[in-house]
Amino acid sequence: ISIEQLLGDQLEKTLEYNETIGNYLLICP
């Protein structure tokens, strides 16, 4: 997940999406 998607409001959306698909490991590339 790009750093931009891990900051602010984007992080909440990122967490929501990954929780839906069942992925609980997020990695800044």
PDB file of all heavy atoms in Angstrom:
ATOM      1  N   ILE A   1       0.851  -1.187   0.000  1.00  0.00           N
ATOM      2  CA  ILE A   1       0.000   0.000   0.000  1.00  0.00           C
ATOM      3  C   ILE A   1       0.888   1.238   0.000  1.00  0.00           C
ATOM      4  O   ILE A   1       1.749   1.386   0.875  1.00  0.00           O
ATOM      5  CB  ILE A   1      -0.918   0.030   1.243  1.00  0.00           C
ATOM      6  CG1 ILE A   1      -1.683  -1.295   1.407  1.00  0.00           C
ATOM      7  CG2 ILE A   1      -1.869   1.218   1.168  1.00  0.00           C
ATOM      8  CD1 ILE A   1      -2.737  -1.561   0.383  1.00  0.00           C
ATOM      9  N   SER A   2       0.699   2.123  -0.950  1.00  0.00           N
ATOM     10  CA  SER A   2       1.538   3.323  -1.037  1.00  0.00           C
ATOM     11  C   SER A   2       1.354   4.186   0.210  1.00  0.00           C
ATOM     12  O   SER A   2       0.304   4.162   0.857  1.00  0.00           O
ATOM     13  CB  SER A   2       1.192   4.129  -2.285  1.00  0.00           C
ATOM     14  OG  SER A   2      -0.099   4.698  -2.167  1.00  0.00           O
ATOM     15  N   ILE A   3       2.375   4.955   0.520  1.00  0.00           N
ATOM     16  CA  ILE A   3       2.335   5.796   1.718  1.00  0.00           C
ATOM     17  C   ILE A   3       1.147   6.755   1.691  1.00  0.00           C
ATOM     18  O   ILE A   3       0.542   7.046   2.728  1.00  0.00           O
ATOM     19  CB  ILE A   3       3.673   6.565   1.890  1.00  0.00           C
ATOM     20  CG1 ILE A   3       3.774   7.190   3.284  1.00  0.00           C
ATOM     21  CG2 ILE A   3       3.864   7.592   0.792  1.00  0.00           C
ATOM     22  CD1 ILE A   3       4.002   6.224   4.395  1.00  0.00           C
ATOM     23  N   GLU A   4       0.769   7.226   0.490  1.00  0.00           N
ATOM     24  CA  GLU A   4      -0.361   8.151   0.378  1.00  0.00           C
ATOM     25  C   GLU A   4      -1.663   7.516   0.855  1.00  0.00           C
ATOM     26  O   GLU A   4      -2.525   8.198   1.414  1.00  0.00           O
ATOM     27  CB  GLU A   4      -0.518   8.621  -1.074  1.00  0.00           C
ATOM     28  CG  GLU A   4       0.608   9.489  -1.593  1.00  0.00           C
ATOM     29  CD  GLU A   4       1.830   8.683  -2.029  1.00  0.00           C
ATOM     30  OE1 GLU A   4       1.726   7.432  -2.103  1.00  0.00           O
ATOM     31  OE2 GLU A   4       2.883   9.299  -2.289  1.00  0.00           O
ATOM     32  N   GLN A   5      -1.792   6.212   0.646  1.00  0.00           N
ATOM     33  CA  GLN A   5      -3.007   5.500   1.046  1.00  0.00           C
ATOM     34  C   GLN A   5      -2.958   5.022   2.498  1.00  0.00           C
ATOM     35  O   GLN A   5      -3.890   4.386   2.975  1.00  0.00           O
ATOM     36  CB  GLN A   5      -3.237   4.307   0.120  1.00  0.00           C
ATOM     37  CG  GLN A   5      -3.582   4.704  -1.305  1.00  0.00           C
ATOM     38  CD  GLN A   5      -3.687   3.488  -2.208  1.00  0.00           C
ATOM     39  OE1 GLN A   5      -2.719   2.765  -2.450  1.00  0.00           O
ATOM     40  NE2 GLN A   5      -4.884   3.249  -2.694  1.00  0.00           N
ATOM     41  N   LEU A   6      -1.862   5.362   3.180  1.00  0.00           N
ATOM     42  CA  LEU A   6      -1.703   4.981   4.579  1.00  0.00           C
ATOM     43  C   LEU A   6      -1.790   6.183   5.517  1.00  0.00           C
ATOM     44  O   LEU A   6      -1.581   6.051   6.717  1.00  0.00           O
ATOM     45  CB  LEU A   6      -0.355   4.278   4.771  1.00  0.00           C
ATOM     46  CG  LEU A   6      -0.197   2.916   4.087  1.00  0.00           C
ATOM     47  CD1 LEU A   6       1.269   2.483   4.101  1.00  0.00           C
ATOM     48  CD2 LEU A   6      -1.073   1.860   4.739  1.00  0.00           C
ATOM     49  N   LEU A   7      -2.105   7.329   4.952  1.00  0.00           N
ATOM     50  CA  LEU A   7      -2.148   8.558   5.736  1.00  0.00           C
ATOM     51  C   LEU A   7      -3.551   9.159   5.774  1.00  0.00           C
ATOM     52  O   LEU A   7      -4.319   9.038   4.815  1.00  0.00           O
ATOM     53  CB  LEU A   7      -1.180   9.596   5.151  1.00  0.00           C
ATOM     54  CG  LEU A   7       0.309   9.204   5.126  1.00  0.00           C
ATOM     55  CD1 LEU A   7       1.115  10.250   4.369  1.00  0.00           C
ATOM     56  CD2 LEU A   7       0.845   9.025   6.537  1.00  0.00           C
ATOM     57  N   GLY A   8      -3.877   9.807   6.894  1.00  0.00           N
ATOM     58  CA  GLY A   8      -5.128  10.550   7.009  1.00  0.00           C
ATOM     59  C   GLY A   8      -6.372   9.715   6.755  1.00  0.00           C
ATOM     60  O   GLY A   8      -6.460   8.541   7.160  1.00  0.00           O
ATOM     61  N   ASP A   9      -7.325  10.304   6.042  1.00  0.00           N
ATOM     62  CA  ASP A   9      -8.589   9.628   5.755  1.00  0.00           C
ATOM     63  C   ASP A   9      -8.391   8.421   4.849  1.00  0.00           C
ATOM     64  O   ASP A   9      -9.209   7.490   4.869  1.00  0.00           O
ATOM     65  CB  ASP A   9      -9.570  10.606   5.107  1.00  0.00           C
ATOM     66  CG  ASP A   9      -9.991  11.723   6.055  1.00  0.00           C
ATOM     67  OD1 ASP A   9      -9.856  11.528   7.281  1.00  0.00           O
ATOM     68  OD2 ASP A   9     -10.447  12.787   5.579  1.00  0.00           O
ATOM     69  N   GLN A  10      -7.318   8.445   4.042  1.00  0.00           N
ATOM     70  CA  GLN A  10      -7.080   7.326   3.131  1.00  0.00           C
ATOM     71  C   GLN A  10      -6.793   6.039   3.896  1.00  0.00           C
ATOM     72  O   GLN A  10      -7.143   4.946   3.440  1.00  0.00           O
ATOM     73  CB  GLN A  10      -5.917   7.650   2.195  1.00  0.00           C
ATOM     74  CG  GLN A  10      -6.240   8.676   1.136  1.00  0.00           C
ATOM     75  CD  GLN A  10      -7.363   8.222   0.212  1.00  0.00           C
ATOM     76  OE1 GLN A  10      -7.350   7.092  -0.295  1.00  0.00           O
ATOM     77  NE2 GLN A  10      -8.337   9.083   0.009  1.00  0.00           N
ATOM     78  N   LEU A  11      -6.162   6.152   5.054  1.00  0.00           N
ATOM     79  CA  LEU A  11      -5.854   4.954   5.829  1.00  0.00           C
ATOM     80  C   LEU A  11      -7.128   4.254   6.279  1.00  0.00           C
ATOM     81  O   LEU A  11      -7.221   3.023   6.243  1.00  0.00           O
ATOM     82  CB  LEU A  11      -4.990   5.312   7.042  1.00  0.00           C
ATOM     83  CG  LEU A  11      -4.625   4.141   7.977  1.00  0.00           C
ATOM     84  CD1 LEU A  11      -3.972   3.007   7.213  1.00  0.00           C
ATOM     85  CD2 LEU A  11      -3.707   4.630   9.098  1.00  0.00           C
ATOM     86  N   GLU A  12      -8.118   5.020   6.675  1.00  0.00           N
ATOM     87  CA  GLU A  12      -9.396   4.425   7.093  1.00  0.00           C
ATOM     88  C   GLU A  12     -10.024   3.645   5.944  1.00  0.00           C
ATOM     89  O   GLU A  12     -10.536   2.532   6.139  1.00  0.00           O
ATOM     90  CB  GLU A  12     -10.349   5.524   7.566  1.00  0.00           C
ATOM     91  CG  GLU A  12     -11.657   4.987   8.127  1.00  0.00           C
ATOM     92  CD  GLU A  12     -12.567   6.081   8.665  1.00  0.00           C
ATOM     93  OE1 GLU A  12     -12.063   7.204   8.907  1.00  0.00           O
ATOM     94  OE2 GLU A  12     -13.764   5.816   8.854  1.00  0.00           O
ATOM     95  N   LYS A  13      -9.969   4.212   4.735  1.00  0.00           N
ATOM     96  CA  LYS A  13     -10.526   3.523   3.564  1.00  0.00           C
ATOM     97  C   LYS A  13      -9.712   2.272   3.243  1.00  0.00           C
ATOM     98  O   LYS A  13     -10.270   1.230   2.875  1.00  0.00           O
ATOM     99  CB  LYS A  13     -10.529   4.468   2.359  1.00  0.00           C
ATOM    100  CG  LYS A  13     -11.461   5.656   2.504  1.00  0.00           C
ATOM    101  CD  LYS A  13     -11.359   6.585   1.296  1.00  0.00           C
ATOM    102  CE  LYS A  13     -12.263   7.804   1.465  1.00  0.00           C
ATOM    103  NZ  LYS A  13     -12.125   8.757   0.318  1.00  0.00           N
ATOM    104  N   THR A  14      -8.400   2.369   3.397  1.00  0.00           N
ATOM    105  CA  THR A  14      -7.530   1.223   3.157  1.00  0.00           C
ATOM    106  C   THR A  14      -7.833   0.090   4.125  1.00  0.00           C
ATOM    107  O   THR A  14      -7.924  -1.087   3.725  1.00  0.00           O
ATOM    108  CB  THR A  14      -6.049   1.644   3.299  1.00  0.00           C
ATOM    109  OG1 THR A  14      -5.731   2.581   2.260  1.00  0.00           O
ATOM    110  CG2 THR A  14      -5.120   0.453   3.197  1.00  0.00           C
ATOM    111  N   LEU A  15      -7.995   0.429   5.393  1.00  0.00           N
ATOM    112  CA  LEU A  15      -8.307  -0.586   6.395  1.00  0.00           C
ATOM    113  C   LEU A  15      -9.658  -1.241   6.110  1.00  0.00           C
ATOM    114  O   LEU A  15      -9.807  -2.467   6.225  1.00  0.00           O
ATOM    115  CB  LEU A  15      -8.317   0.044   7.796  1.00  0.00           C
ATOM    116  CG  LEU A  15      -6.965   0.545   8.325  1.00  0.00           C
ATOM    117  CD1 LEU A  15      -7.151   1.290   9.633  1.00  0.00           C
ATOM    118  CD2 LEU A  15      -5.982  -0.605   8.497  1.00  0.00           C
ATOM    119  N   GLU A  16     -10.618  -0.449   5.717  1.00  0.00           N
ATOM    120  CA  GLU A  16     -11.960  -0.973   5.435  1.00  0.00           C
ATOM    121  C   GLU A  16     -11.929  -1.954   4.270  1.00  0.00           C
ATOM    122  O   GLU A  16     -12.527  -3.039   4.337  1.00  0.00           O
ATOM    123  CB  GLU A  16     -12.907   0.189   5.123  1.00  0.00           C
ATOM    124  CG  GLU A  16     -14.340  -0.246   4.861  1.00  0.00           C
ATOM    125  CD  GLU A  16     -15.258   0.932   4.558  1.00  0.00           C
ATOM    126  OE1 GLU A  16     -14.833   2.095   4.737  1.00  0.00           O
ATOM    127  OE2 GLU A  16     -16.403   0.677   4.130  1.00  0.00           O
ATOM    128  N   TYR A  17     -11.233  -1.582   3.200  1.00  0.00           N
ATOM    129  CA  TYR A  17     -11.159  -2.455   2.023  1.00  0.00           C
ATOM    130  C   TYR A  17     -10.481  -3.772   2.370  1.00  0.00           C
ATOM    131  O   TYR A  17     -10.982  -4.858   2.048  1.00  0.00           O
ATOM    132  CB  TYR A  17     -10.392  -1.751   0.902  1.00  0.00           C
ATOM    133  CG  TYR A  17     -10.368  -2.530  -0.406  1.00  0.00           C
ATOM    134  CD1 TYR A  17     -11.237  -2.205  -1.437  1.00  0.00           C
ATOM    135  CD2 TYR A  17      -9.478  -3.587  -0.605  1.00  0.00           C
ATOM    136  CE1 TYR A  17     -11.223  -2.912  -2.637  1.00  0.00           C
ATOM    137  CE2 TYR A  17      -9.456  -4.309  -1.786  1.00  0.00           C
ATOM    138  CZ  TYR A  17     -10.328  -3.959  -2.800  1.00  0.00           C
ATOM    139  OH  TYR A  17     -10.313  -4.678  -3.981  1.00  0.00           O
ATOM    140  N   ASN A  18      -9.330  -3.684   3.041  1.00  0.00           N
ATOM    141  CA  ASN A  18      -8.574  -4.890   3.350  1.00  0.00           C
ATOM    142  C   ASN A  18      -9.280  -5.778   4.369  1.00  0.00           C
ATOM    143  O   ASN A  18      -9.172  -7.005   4.303  1.00  0.00           O
ATOM    144  CB  ASN A  18      -7.171  -4.518   3.821  1.00  0.00           C
ATOM    145  CG  ASN A  18      -6.265  -4.153   2.666  1.00  0.00           C
ATOM    146  OD1 ASN A  18      -5.638  -5.018   2.048  1.00  0.00           O
ATOM    147  ND2 ASN A  18      -6.200  -2.874   2.343  1.00  0.00           N
ATOM    148  N   GLU A  19     -10.000  -5.174   5.279  1.00  0.00           N
ATOM    149  CA  GLU A  19     -10.783  -5.980   6.222  1.00  0.00           C
ATOM    150  C   GLU A  19     -11.859  -6.760   5.475  1.00  0.00           C
ATOM    151  O   GLU A  19     -12.120  -7.928   5.790  1.00  0.00           O
ATOM    152  CB  GLU A  19     -11.416  -5.088   7.282  1.00  0.00           C
ATOM    153  CG  GLU A  19     -12.142  -5.881   8.360  1.00  0.00           C
ATOM    154  CD  GLU A  19     -12.578  -5.010   9.518  1.00  0.00           C
ATOM    155  OE1 GLU A  19     -12.845  -3.804   9.299  1.00  0.00           O
ATOM    156  OE2 GLU A  19     -12.655  -5.534  10.643  1.00  0.00           O
ATOM    157  N   THR A  20     -12.476  -6.155   4.484  1.00  0.00           N
ATOM    158  CA  THR A  20     -13.515  -6.821   3.702  1.00  0.00           C
ATOM    159  C   THR A  20     -12.974  -8.047   2.978  1.00  0.00           C
ATOM    160  O   THR A  20     -13.627  -9.093   2.941  1.00  0.00           O
ATOM    161  CB  THR A  20     -14.141  -5.851   2.686  1.00  0.00           C
ATOM    162  OG1 THR A  20     -14.734  -4.758   3.385  1.00  0.00           O
ATOM    163  CG2 THR A  20     -15.213  -6.554   1.841  1.00  0.00           C
ATOM    164  N   ILE A  21     -11.761  -7.936   2.409  1.00  0.00           N
ATOM    165  CA  ILE A  21     -11.212  -9.083   1.680  1.00  0.00           C
ATOM    166  C   ILE A  21     -10.495 -10.069   2.609  1.00  0.00           C
ATOM    167  O   ILE A  21     -10.059 -11.136   2.166  1.00  0.00           O
ATOM    168  CB  ILE A  21     -10.255  -8.640   0.557  1.00  0.00           C
ATOM    169  CG1 ILE A  21      -8.976  -8.004   1.122  1.00  0.00           C
ATOM    170  CG2 ILE A  21     -10.953  -7.713  -0.421  1.00  0.00           C
ATOM    171  CD1 ILE A  21      -7.897  -7.757   0.074  1.00  0.00           C
ATOM    172  N   GLY A  22     -10.376  -9.696   3.893  1.00  0.00           N
ATOM    173  CA  GLY A  22      -9.744 -10.598   4.855  1.00  0.00           C
ATOM    174  C   GLY A  22      -8.238 -10.521   4.898  1.00  0.00           C
ATOM    175  O   GLY A  22      -7.577 -11.472   5.339  1.00  0.00           O
ATOM    176  N   ASN A  23      -7.691  -9.389   4.457  1.00  0.00           N
ATOM    177  CA  ASN A  23      -6.237  -9.204   4.506  1.00  0.00           C
ATOM    178  C   ASN A  23      -5.880  -8.303   5.682  1.00  0.00           C
ATOM    179  O   ASN A  23      -6.318  -7.157   5.741  1.00  0.00           O
ATOM    180  CB  ASN A  23      -5.719  -8.567   3.215  1.00  0.00           C
ATOM    181  CG  ASN A  23      -4.235  -8.235   3.319  1.00  0.00           C
ATOM    182  OD1 ASN A  23      -3.420  -9.113   3.623  1.00  0.00           O
ATOM    183  ND2 ASN A  23      -3.890  -6.983   3.101  1.00  0.00           N
ATOM    184  N   TYR A  24      -5.038  -8.816   6.582  1.00  0.00           N
ATOM    185  CA  TYR A  24      -4.687  -8.057   7.789  1.00  0.00           C
ATOM    186  C   TYR A  24      -3.193  -7.756   7.871  1.00  0.00           C
ATOM    187  O   TYR A  24      -2.698  -7.437   8.938  1.00  0.00           O
ATOM    188  CB  TYR A  24      -5.158  -8.829   9.023  1.00  0.00           C
ATOM    189  CG  TYR A  24      -6.666  -8.834   9.124  1.00  0.00           C
ATOM    190  CD1 TYR A  24      -7.415  -9.864   8.542  1.00  0.00           C
ATOM    191  CD2 TYR A  24      -7.347  -7.790   9.749  1.00  0.00           C
ATOM    192  CE1 TYR A  24      -8.803  -9.858   8.600  1.00  0.00           C
ATOM    193  CE2 TYR A  24      -8.740  -7.778   9.812  1.00  0.00           C
ATOM    194  CZ  TYR A  24      -9.459  -8.808   9.236  1.00  0.00           C
ATOM    195  OH  TYR A  24     -10.832  -8.787   9.290  1.00  0.00           O
ATOM    196  N   LEU A  25      -2.502  -7.838   6.737  1.00  0.00           N
ATOM    197  CA  LEU A  25      -1.097  -7.456   6.672  1.00  0.00           C
ATOM    198  C   LEU A  25      -0.927  -6.359   5.626  1.00  0.00           C
ATOM    199  O   LEU A  25      -1.095  -6.596   4.432  1.00  0.00           O
ATOM    200  CB  LEU A  25      -0.224  -8.663   6.303  1.00  0.00           C
ATOM    201  CG  LEU A  25       1.263  -8.385   6.045  1.00  0.00           C
ATOM    202  CD1 LEU A  25       1.922  -7.737   7.257  1.00  0.00           C
ATOM    203  CD2 LEU A  25       1.992  -9.666   5.639  1.00  0.00           C
ATOM    204  N   LEU A  26      -0.616  -5.149   6.096  1.00  0.00           N
ATOM    205  CA  LEU A  26      -0.400  -4.013   5.213  1.00  0.00           C
ATOM    206  C   LEU A  26       1.081  -3.676   5.187  1.00  0.00           C
ATOM    207  O   LEU A  26       1.727  -3.621   6.238  1.00  0.00           O
ATOM    208  CB  LEU A  26      -1.200  -2.792   5.694  1.00  0.00           C
ATOM    209  CG  LEU A  26      -2.713  -2.970   5.843  1.00  0.00           C
ATOM    210  CD1 LEU A  26      -3.353  -1.646   6.244  1.00  0.00           C
ATOM    211  CD2 LEU A  26      -3.342  -3.500   4.556  1.00  0.00           C
ATOM    212  N   ILE A  27       1.603  -3.452   3.993  1.00  0.00           N
ATOM    213  CA  ILE A  27       3.041  -3.243   3.829  1.00  0.00           C
ATOM    214  C   ILE A  27       3.290  -1.984   3.011  1.00  0.00           C
ATOM    215  O   ILE A  27       2.763  -1.843   1.901  1.00  0.00           O
ATOM    216  CB  ILE A  27       3.684  -4.449   3.109  1.00  0.00           C
ATOM    217  CG1 ILE A  27       3.408  -5.750   3.883  1.00  0.00           C
ATOM    218  CG2 ILE A  27       5.185  -4.240   2.944  1.00  0.00           C
ATOM    219  CD1 ILE A  27       3.522  -6.997   3.056  1.00  0.00           C
ATOM    220  N   CYS A  28       4.089  -1.081   3.568  1.00  0.00           N
ATOM    221  CA  CYS A  28       4.541   0.080   2.800  1.00  0.00           C
ATOM    222  C   CYS A  28       5.655  -0.398   1.882  1.00  0.00           C
ATOM    223  O   CYS A  28       6.694  -0.858   2.369  1.00  0.00           O
ATOM    224  CB  CYS A  28       5.033   1.180   3.731  1.00  0.00           C
ATOM    225  SG  CYS A  28       5.645   2.648   2.856  1.00  0.00           S
ATOM    226  N   PRO A  29       5.494  -0.304   0.568  1.00  0.00           N
ATOM    227  CA  PRO A  29       6.469  -0.895  -0.356  1.00  0.00           C
ATOM    228  C   PRO A  29       7.747  -0.098  -0.521  1.00  0.00           C
ATOM    229  O   PRO A  29       8.767  -0.639  -0.941  1.00  0.00           O
ATOM    230  CB  PRO A  29       5.702  -0.958  -1.676  1.00  0.00           C
ATOM    231  CG  PRO A  29       4.718   0.161  -1.587  1.00  0.00           C
ATOM    232  CD  PRO A  29       4.324   0.245  -0.136  1.00  0.00           C
TER     233      PRO A  29
END
